[in-house]
Amino acid sequence: MTRIVKDPTERKNEILDAAEELFMAKGYDATSVKDIISKVGVAHGLFYYYFSSKEDVLNAVVERYWDAISKELMTIAHDKDIGPVEKIEKIFLQGVLMKEKKMNILSNVVKSENPLLINKVIKYGIDMFVPILAIPVKEGVELGIFEVEYPEYVLEMHFIGTSYSLDIESLKEGIEPYRTKLLLMFDMLERMLGAKKGTFYNIKDIIIKMTDDILDKYYKDFIKK
């Protein structure tokens, strides 16, 4: 019988697909490397050729997710039929919607006690979001909506600050402080971009509602009552 040799990228994606399906069905903690190997039907050696551990697989699953989301958000950023403010709002909203689809996987990352993994995933997300959002911000500068000299630097500083301010540990303060900081995120963004107060008013209530739903579903145990 002839052994089927698959393309390395195809084989790696098969492992990631199987792991993602198991993480979503059983949860990260309840899934073992043996489960993943059995589902794909490969030898242990082949698994460890691509990945060093289950955590390495989770990391790759999340990075693959960021790559997929970046393509969709980039389409919004280049949409010539909508203005820069609406583009930014749609990018945030679509970003949250796409995150929710994978939240049972992403929540395993942010609940992780491995700070290196958390920091890597956050940095990966920031590196993805900044150049995408910089596109409508620069358009807004040309139209006089925003007044900012270095959009990429400002956006990077904004996301670094808000990513750690809105991390899972801050939920232990309670849901109301978390909501307040979430709203302040958009107030700060307006100021940092030199925009008029209320520029992002339309998006705030929607983001709060979407975030509340996600927190209630995935982070009940972390929220201070």
C-alpha atoms as a PDB file:
ATOM      1  CA  MET A   1       0.000   0.000   0.000  1.00  0.00           C
ATOM      2  CA  THR A   2       1.389   3.384  -1.015  1.00  0.00           C
ATOM      3  CA  ARG A   3       1.844   5.815   1.855  1.00  0.00           C
ATOM      4  CA  ILE A   4       0.124   9.155   1.223  1.00  0.00           C
ATOM      5  CA  VAL A   5       2.492  12.061   1.765  1.00  0.00           C
ATOM      6  CA  LYS A   6       0.657  15.318   2.297  1.00  0.00           C
ATOM      7  CA  ASP A   7       1.886  18.856   1.873  1.00  0.00           C
ATOM      8  CA  PRO A   8       3.321  20.095   5.234  1.00  0.00           C
ATOM      9  CA  THR A   9       0.968  23.100   5.328  1.00  0.00           C
ATOM     10  CA  GLU A  10      -2.043  20.877   4.656  1.00  0.00           C
ATOM     11  CA  ARG A  11      -0.989  18.422   7.359  1.00  0.00           C
ATOM     12  CA  LYS A  12      -0.350  21.197   9.894  1.00  0.00           C
ATOM     13  CA  ASN A  13      -3.777  22.701   9.191  1.00  0.00           C
ATOM     14  CA  GLU A  14      -5.383  19.291   9.644  1.00  0.00           C
ATOM     15  CA  ILE A  15      -3.879  19.106  13.126  1.00  0.00           C
ATOM     16  CA  LEU A  16      -5.024  22.660  13.904  1.00  0.00           C
ATOM     17  CA  ASP A  17      -8.541  21.941  12.597  1.00  0.00           C
ATOM     18  CA  ALA A  18      -8.803  18.842  14.779  1.00  0.00           C
ATOM     19  CA  ALA A  19      -7.444  20.660  17.828  1.00  0.00           C
ATOM     20  CA  GLU A  20      -9.795  23.604  17.332  1.00  0.00           C
ATOM     21  CA  GLU A  21     -12.790  21.296  17.023  1.00  0.00           C
ATOM     22  CA  LEU A  22     -11.801  19.446  20.199  1.00  0.00           C
ATOM     23  CA  PHE A  23     -11.092  22.656  22.135  1.00  0.00           C
ATOM     24  CA  MET A  24     -14.550  23.944  21.207  1.00  0.00           C
ATOM     25  CA  ALA A  25     -16.323  20.652  21.994  1.00  0.00           C
ATOM     26  CA  LYS A  26     -14.464  19.507  25.126  1.00  0.00           C
ATOM     27  CA  GLY A  27     -12.612  22.608  26.264  1.00  0.00           C
ATOM     28  CA  TYR A  28      -8.858  23.199  26.221  1.00  0.00           C
ATOM     29  CA  ASP A  29      -8.110  21.633  29.609  1.00  0.00           C
ATOM     30  CA  ALA A  30     -10.080  18.463  28.859  1.00  0.00           C
ATOM     31  CA  THR A  31      -8.354  17.941  25.507  1.00  0.00           C
ATOM     32  CA  SER A  32      -5.106  16.002  25.463  1.00  0.00           C
ATOM     33  CA  VAL A  33      -2.409  15.746  22.815  1.00  0.00           C
ATOM     34  CA  LYS A  34      -3.450  12.093  22.482  1.00  0.00           C
ATOM     35  CA  ASP A  35      -7.021  13.233  21.662  1.00  0.00           C
ATOM     36  CA  ILE A  36      -5.719  15.497  18.904  1.00  0.00           C
ATOM     37  CA  ILE A  37      -3.452  12.803  17.460  1.00  0.00           C
ATOM     38  CA  SER A  38      -6.277  10.233  17.494  1.00  0.00           C
ATOM     39  CA  LYS A  39      -8.677  12.602  15.761  1.00  0.00           C
ATOM     40  CA  VAL A  40      -6.216  13.418  12.972  1.00  0.00           C
ATOM     41  CA  GLY A  41      -4.918   9.862  12.717  1.00  0.00           C
ATOM     42  CA  VAL A  42      -1.212  10.663  12.697  1.00  0.00           C
ATOM     43  CA  ALA A  43       1.779   9.351  14.626  1.00  0.00           C
ATOM     44  CA  HIS A  44       3.041  11.061  17.770  1.00  0.00           C
ATOM     45  CA  GLY A  45       6.288  11.873  16.012  1.00  0.00           C
ATOM     46  CA  LEU A  46       4.515  13.746  13.225  1.00  0.00           C
ATOM     47  CA  PHE A  47       2.548  15.814  15.742  1.00  0.00           C
ATOM     48  CA  TYR A  48       5.717  16.806  17.573  1.00  0.00           C
ATOM     49  CA  TYR A  49       7.387  17.631  14.264  1.00  0.00           C
ATOM     50  CA  TYR A  50       4.944  20.551  13.943  1.00  0.00           C
ATOM     51  CA  PHE A  51       4.168  21.404  17.573  1.00  0.00           C
ATOM     52  CA  SER A  52       6.094  21.182  20.817  1.00  0.00           C
ATOM     53  CA  SER A  53       3.040  20.965  23.104  1.00  0.00           C
ATOM     54  CA  LYS A  54      -0.721  21.394  23.400  1.00  0.00           C
ATOM     55  CA  GLU A  55      -0.110  25.019  24.385  1.00  0.00           C
ATOM     56  CA  ASP A  56       1.868  25.500  21.186  1.00  0.00           C
ATOM     57  CA  VAL A  57      -1.156  24.206  19.248  1.00  0.00           C
ATOM     58  CA  LEU A  58      -3.470  26.638  21.056  1.00  0.00           C
ATOM     59  CA  ASN A  59      -1.097  29.463  20.236  1.00  0.00           C
ATOM     60  CA  ALA A  60      -1.112  28.481  16.546  1.00  0.00           C
ATOM     61  CA  VAL A  61      -4.922  28.201  16.515  1.00  0.00           C
ATOM     62  CA  VAL A  62      -5.236  31.733  17.904  1.00  0.00           C
ATOM     63  CA  GLU A  63      -2.660  33.148  15.483  1.00  0.00           C
ATOM     64  CA  ARG A  64      -4.480  31.509  12.582  1.00  0.00           C
ATOM     65  CA  TYR A  65      -7.654  33.160  13.857  1.00  0.00           C
ATOM     66  CA  TRP A  66      -5.979  36.607  13.911  1.00  0.00           C
ATOM     67  CA  ASP A  67      -4.753  36.073  10.339  1.00  0.00           C
ATOM     68  CA  ALA A  68      -8.282  35.238   9.176  1.00  0.00           C
ATOM     69  CA  ILE A  69      -9.863  38.192  10.951  1.00  0.00           C
ATOM     70  CA  SER A  70      -7.272  40.596   9.538  1.00  0.00           C
ATOM     71  CA  LYS A  71      -8.323  39.794   5.969  1.00  0.00           C
ATOM     72  CA  GLU A  72     -11.964  40.544   6.690  1.00  0.00           C
ATOM     73  CA  LEU A  73     -11.208  43.761   8.578  1.00  0.00           C
ATOM     74  CA  MET A  74      -8.839  44.927   5.850  1.00  0.00           C
ATOM     75  CA  THR A  75     -11.745  44.653   3.380  1.00  0.00           C
ATOM     76  CA  ILE A  76     -13.731  47.076   5.566  1.00  0.00           C
ATOM     77  CA  ALA A  77     -10.754  49.451   5.835  1.00  0.00           C
ATOM     78  CA  HIS A  78     -10.522  49.687   2.018  1.00  0.00           C
ATOM     79  CA  ASP A  79     -14.285  50.039   1.415  1.00  0.00           C
ATOM     80  CA  LYS A  80     -14.680  53.184  -0.707  1.00  0.00           C
ATOM     81  CA  ASP A  81     -18.443  53.413  -0.067  1.00  0.00           C
ATOM     82  CA  ILE A  82     -18.242  54.361   3.629  1.00  0.00           C
ATOM     83  CA  GLY A  83     -16.511  57.147   5.534  1.00  0.00           C
ATOM     84  CA  PRO A  84     -13.608  56.799   7.977  1.00  0.00           C
ATOM     85  CA  VAL A  85     -15.666  56.985  11.188  1.00  0.00           C
ATOM     86  CA  GLU A  86     -18.081  54.316   9.973  1.00  0.00           C
ATOM     87  CA  LYS A  87     -15.138  52.160   8.900  1.00  0.00           C
ATOM     88  CA  ILE A  88     -13.618  52.336  12.377  1.00  0.00           C
ATOM     89  CA  GLU A  89     -16.964  51.484  13.970  1.00  0.00           C
ATOM     90  CA  LYS A  90     -17.476  48.536  11.612  1.00  0.00           C
ATOM     91  CA  ILE A  91     -13.950  47.274  12.244  1.00  0.00           C
ATOM     92  CA  PHE A  92     -14.550  47.264  16.005  1.00  0.00           C
ATOM     93  CA  LEU A  93     -17.980  45.638  15.682  1.00  0.00           C
ATOM     94  CA  GLN A  94     -16.869  42.990  13.206  1.00  0.00           C
ATOM     95  CA  GLY A  95     -13.812  42.313  15.324  1.00  0.00           C
ATOM     96  CA  VAL A  96     -15.975  41.599  18.370  1.00  0.00           C
ATOM     97  CA  LEU A  97     -18.379  39.424  16.345  1.00  0.00           C
ATOM     98  CA  MET A  98     -15.550  37.343  14.930  1.00  0.00           C
ATOM     99  CA  LYS A  99     -13.936  37.040  18.348  1.00  0.00           C
ATOM    100  CA  GLU A 100     -17.187  35.711  19.794  1.00  0.00           C
ATOM    101  CA  LYS A 101     -17.190  32.879  17.232  1.00  0.00           C
ATOM    102  CA  LYS A 102     -13.899  31.676  18.678  1.00  0.00           C
ATOM    103  CA  MET A 103     -14.359  32.941  22.235  1.00  0.00           C
ATOM    104  CA  ASN A 104     -14.381  29.515  23.832  1.00  0.00           C
ATOM    105  CA  ILE A 105     -10.862  29.109  22.452  1.00  0.00           C
ATOM    106  CA  LEU A 106      -9.693  32.680  23.082  1.00  0.00           C
ATOM    107  CA  SER A 107     -10.989  32.572  26.635  1.00  0.00           C
ATOM    108  CA  ASN A 108      -8.628  29.659  27.289  1.00  0.00           C
ATOM    109  CA  VAL A 109      -5.753  31.934  26.352  1.00  0.00           C
ATOM    110  CA  VAL A 110      -6.716  34.871  28.548  1.00  0.00           C
ATOM    111  CA  LYS A 111      -7.488  32.525  31.451  1.00  0.00           C
ATOM    112  CA  SER A 112      -4.075  30.975  31.044  1.00  0.00           C
ATOM    113  CA  GLU A 113      -1.562  31.457  33.818  1.00  0.00           C
ATOM    114  CA  ASN A 114       1.226  31.696  31.254  1.00  0.00           C
ATOM    115  CA  PRO A 115       2.006  35.426  30.883  1.00  0.00           C
ATOM    116  CA  LEU A 116       4.303  34.842  27.904  1.00  0.00           C
ATOM    117  CA  LEU A 117       1.470  33.207  25.946  1.00  0.00           C
ATOM    118  CA  ILE A 118      -0.992  35.954  26.898  1.00  0.00           C
ATOM    119  CA  ASN A 119       1.442  38.720  25.987  1.00  0.00           C
ATOM    120  CA  LYS A 120       2.281  37.072  22.686  1.00  0.00           C
ATOM    121  CA  VAL A 121      -1.395  36.769  21.692  1.00  0.00           C
ATOM    122  CA  ILE A 122      -2.112  40.376  22.732  1.00  0.00           C
ATOM    123  CA  LYS A 123       0.896  41.664  20.788  1.00  0.00           C
ATOM    124  CA  TYR A 124      -0.135  39.628  17.742  1.00  0.00           C
ATOM    125  CA  GLY A 125      -3.596  41.212  17.889  1.00  0.00           C
ATOM    126  CA  ILE A 126      -2.212  44.737  18.301  1.00  0.00           C
ATOM    127  CA  ASP A 127       0.223  44.258  15.417  1.00  0.00           C
ATOM    128  CA  MET A 128      -2.736  43.171  13.301  1.00  0.00           C
ATOM    129  CA  PHE A 129      -5.218  45.905  14.306  1.00  0.00           C
ATOM    130  CA  VAL A 130      -2.938  48.953  14.147  1.00  0.00           C
ATOM    131  CA  PRO A 131      -2.156  48.992  10.390  1.00  0.00           C
ATOM    132  CA  ILE A 132      -5.794  48.195   9.573  1.00  0.00           C
ATOM    133  CA  LEU A 133      -7.224  51.038  11.674  1.00  0.00           C
ATOM    134  CA  ALA A 134      -4.503  53.396  10.459  1.00  0.00           C
ATOM    135  CA  ILE A 135      -6.095  53.316   6.993  1.00  0.00           C
ATOM    136  CA  PRO A 136      -9.420  55.007   7.931  1.00  0.00           C
ATOM    137  CA  VAL A 137      -7.638  57.256  10.457  1.00  0.00           C
ATOM    138  CA  LYS A 138      -5.404  58.649   7.692  1.00  0.00           C
ATOM    139  CA  GLU A 139      -8.472  59.137   5.518  1.00  0.00           C
ATOM    140  CA  GLY A 140     -10.078  61.005   8.398  1.00  0.00           C
ATOM    141  CA  VAL A 141      -7.021  63.246   8.727  1.00  0.00           C
ATOM    142  CA  GLU A 142      -7.296  64.196   5.057  1.00  0.00           C
ATOM    143  CA  LEU A 143     -10.993  65.029   5.539  1.00  0.00           C
ATOM    144  CA  GLY A 144     -10.378  67.073   8.702  1.00  0.00           C
ATOM    145  CA  ILE A 145     -12.218  64.600  10.962  1.00  0.00           C
ATOM    146  CA  PHE A 146      -9.065  63.638  12.854  1.00  0.00           C
ATOM    147  CA  GLU A 147      -5.999  65.632  13.745  1.00  0.00           C
ATOM    148  CA  VAL A 148      -3.117  63.331  14.540  1.00  0.00           C
ATOM    149  CA  GLU A 149       0.448  63.401  13.258  1.00  0.00           C
ATOM    150  CA  TYR A 150       1.538  59.807  13.837  1.00  0.00           C
ATOM    151  CA  PRO A 151      -1.541  57.538  13.525  1.00  0.00           C
ATOM    152  CA  GLU A 152       0.271  54.204  13.863  1.00  0.00           C
ATOM    153  CA  TYR A 153       2.134  55.233  17.031  1.00  0.00           C
ATOM    154  CA  VAL A 154      -1.005  56.692  18.606  1.00  0.00           C
ATOM    155  CA  LEU A 155      -3.054  53.583  17.815  1.00  0.00           C
ATOM    156  CA  GLU A 156      -0.302  51.293  19.114  1.00  0.00           C
ATOM    157  CA  MET A 157      -0.102  53.209  22.411  1.00  0.00           C
ATOM    158  CA  HIS A 158      -3.893  53.191  22.701  1.00  0.00           C
ATOM    159  CA  PHE A 159      -4.229  49.439  22.194  1.00  0.00           C
ATOM    160  CA  ILE A 160      -1.333  48.552  24.463  1.00  0.00           C
ATOM    161  CA  GLY A 161      -2.946  50.560  27.269  1.00  0.00           C
ATOM    162  CA  THR A 162      -6.488  49.320  26.774  1.00  0.00           C
ATOM    163  CA  SER A 163      -5.476  45.673  26.207  1.00  0.00           C
ATOM    164  CA  TYR A 164      -3.933  45.443  29.650  1.00  0.00           C
ATOM    165  CA  SER A 165      -6.465  47.703  31.349  1.00  0.00           C
ATOM    166  CA  LEU A 166      -9.310  45.521  30.048  1.00  0.00           C
ATOM    167  CA  ASP A 167      -7.642  42.175  30.682  1.00  0.00           C
ATOM    168  CA  ILE A 168      -9.317  39.357  32.574  1.00  0.00           C
ATOM    169  CA  GLU A 169      -7.821  40.388  35.920  1.00  0.00           C
ATOM    170  CA  SER A 170      -9.727  43.678  35.771  1.00  0.00           C
ATOM    171  CA  LEU A 171     -13.009  41.722  35.812  1.00  0.00           C
ATOM    172  CA  LYS A 172     -12.264  40.934  39.436  1.00  0.00           C
ATOM    173  CA  GLU A 173     -13.024  44.599  40.165  1.00  0.00           C
ATOM    174  CA  GLY A 174     -16.599  44.022  39.002  1.00  0.00           C
ATOM    175  CA  ILE A 175     -18.620  44.442  35.822  1.00  0.00           C
ATOM    176  CA  GLU A 176     -19.438  48.144  36.287  1.00  0.00           C
ATOM    177  CA  PRO A 177     -15.794  49.275  36.501  1.00  0.00           C
ATOM    178  CA  TYR A 178     -15.106  47.118  33.434  1.00  0.00           C
ATOM    179  CA  ARG A 179     -17.947  48.773  31.473  1.00  0.00           C
ATOM    180  CA  THR A 180     -16.742  52.220  32.531  1.00  0.00           C
ATOM    181  CA  LYS A 181     -13.229  51.508  31.283  1.00  0.00           C
ATOM    182  CA  LEU A 182     -14.639  50.121  28.032  1.00  0.00           C
ATOM    183  CA  LEU A 183     -16.552  53.361  27.412  1.00  0.00           C
ATOM    184  CA  LEU A 184     -13.497  55.401  28.323  1.00  0.00           C
ATOM    185  CA  MET A 185     -11.570  53.491  25.686  1.00  0.00           C
ATOM    186  CA  PHE A 186     -13.584  55.253  22.972  1.00  0.00           C
ATOM    187  CA  ASP A 187     -13.414  58.642  24.730  1.00  0.00           C
ATOM    188  CA  MET A 188      -9.639  58.277  24.885  1.00  0.00           C
ATOM    189  CA  LEU A 189      -9.493  57.241  21.234  1.00  0.00           C
ATOM    190  CA  GLU A 190     -11.404  60.378  20.234  1.00  0.00           C
ATOM    191  CA  ARG A 191      -8.970  62.577  22.126  1.00  0.00           C
ATOM    192  CA  MET A 192      -5.866  60.777  20.907  1.00  0.00           C
ATOM    193  CA  LEU A 193      -7.046  61.106  17.305  1.00  0.00           C
ATOM    194  CA  GLY A 194      -7.963  64.761  17.774  1.00  0.00           C
ATOM    195  CA  ALA A 195     -11.618  64.017  16.969  1.00  0.00           C
ATOM    196  CA  LYS A 196     -14.722  65.859  18.136  1.00  0.00           C
ATOM    197  CA  LYS A 197     -16.251  64.594  21.399  1.00  0.00           C
ATOM    198  CA  GLY A 198     -18.991  62.110  20.576  1.00  0.00           C
ATOM    199  CA  THR A 199     -17.454  61.019  17.260  1.00  0.00           C
ATOM    200  CA  PHE A 200     -17.789  57.366  18.293  1.00  0.00           C
ATOM    201  CA  TYR A 201     -21.041  57.814  20.213  1.00  0.00           C
ATOM    202  CA  ASN A 202     -22.994  55.404  17.971  1.00  0.00           C
ATOM    203  CA  ILE A 203     -20.797  52.429  18.720  1.00  0.00           C
ATOM    204  CA  LYS A 204     -20.627  52.594  22.524  1.00  0.00           C
ATOM    205  CA  ASP A 205     -23.977  51.060  23.488  1.00  0.00           C
ATOM    206  CA  ILE A 206     -23.609  48.287  20.914  1.00  0.00           C
ATOM    207  CA  ILE A 207     -20.114  47.364  22.119  1.00  0.00           C
ATOM    208  CA  ILE A 208     -21.250  47.332  25.758  1.00  0.00           C
ATOM    209  CA  LYS A 209     -24.170  45.006  24.950  1.00  0.00           C
ATOM    210  CA  MET A 210     -22.000  42.657  22.900  1.00  0.00           C
ATOM    211  CA  THR A 211     -19.308  42.607  25.578  1.00  0.00           C
ATOM    212  CA  ASP A 212     -21.840  41.940  28.354  1.00  0.00           C
ATOM    213  CA  ASP A 213     -23.135  38.919  26.424  1.00  0.00           C
ATOM    214  CA  ILE A 214     -19.616  37.539  25.950  1.00  0.00           C
ATOM    215  CA  LEU A 215     -18.643  38.104  29.580  1.00  0.00           C
ATOM    216  CA  ASP A 216     -21.834  36.441  30.843  1.00  0.00           C
ATOM    217  CA  LYS A 217     -21.242  33.409  28.651  1.00  0.00           C
ATOM    218  CA  TYR A 218     -17.516  32.865  29.093  1.00  0.00           C
ATOM    219  CA  TYR A 219     -16.245  34.730  32.153  1.00  0.00           C
ATOM    220  CA  LYS A 220     -18.863  34.403  34.920  1.00  0.00           C
ATOM    221  CA  ASP A 221     -16.363  32.897  37.341  1.00  0.00           C
ATOM    222  CA  PHE A 222     -14.004  35.858  36.998  1.00  0.00           C
ATOM    223  CA  ILE A 223     -16.514  38.662  37.503  1.00  0.00           C
ATOM    224  CA  LYS A 224     -16.708  40.092  41.004  1.00  0.00           C
ATOM    225  CA  LYS A 225     -20.283  39.991  42.246  1.00  0.00           C
END
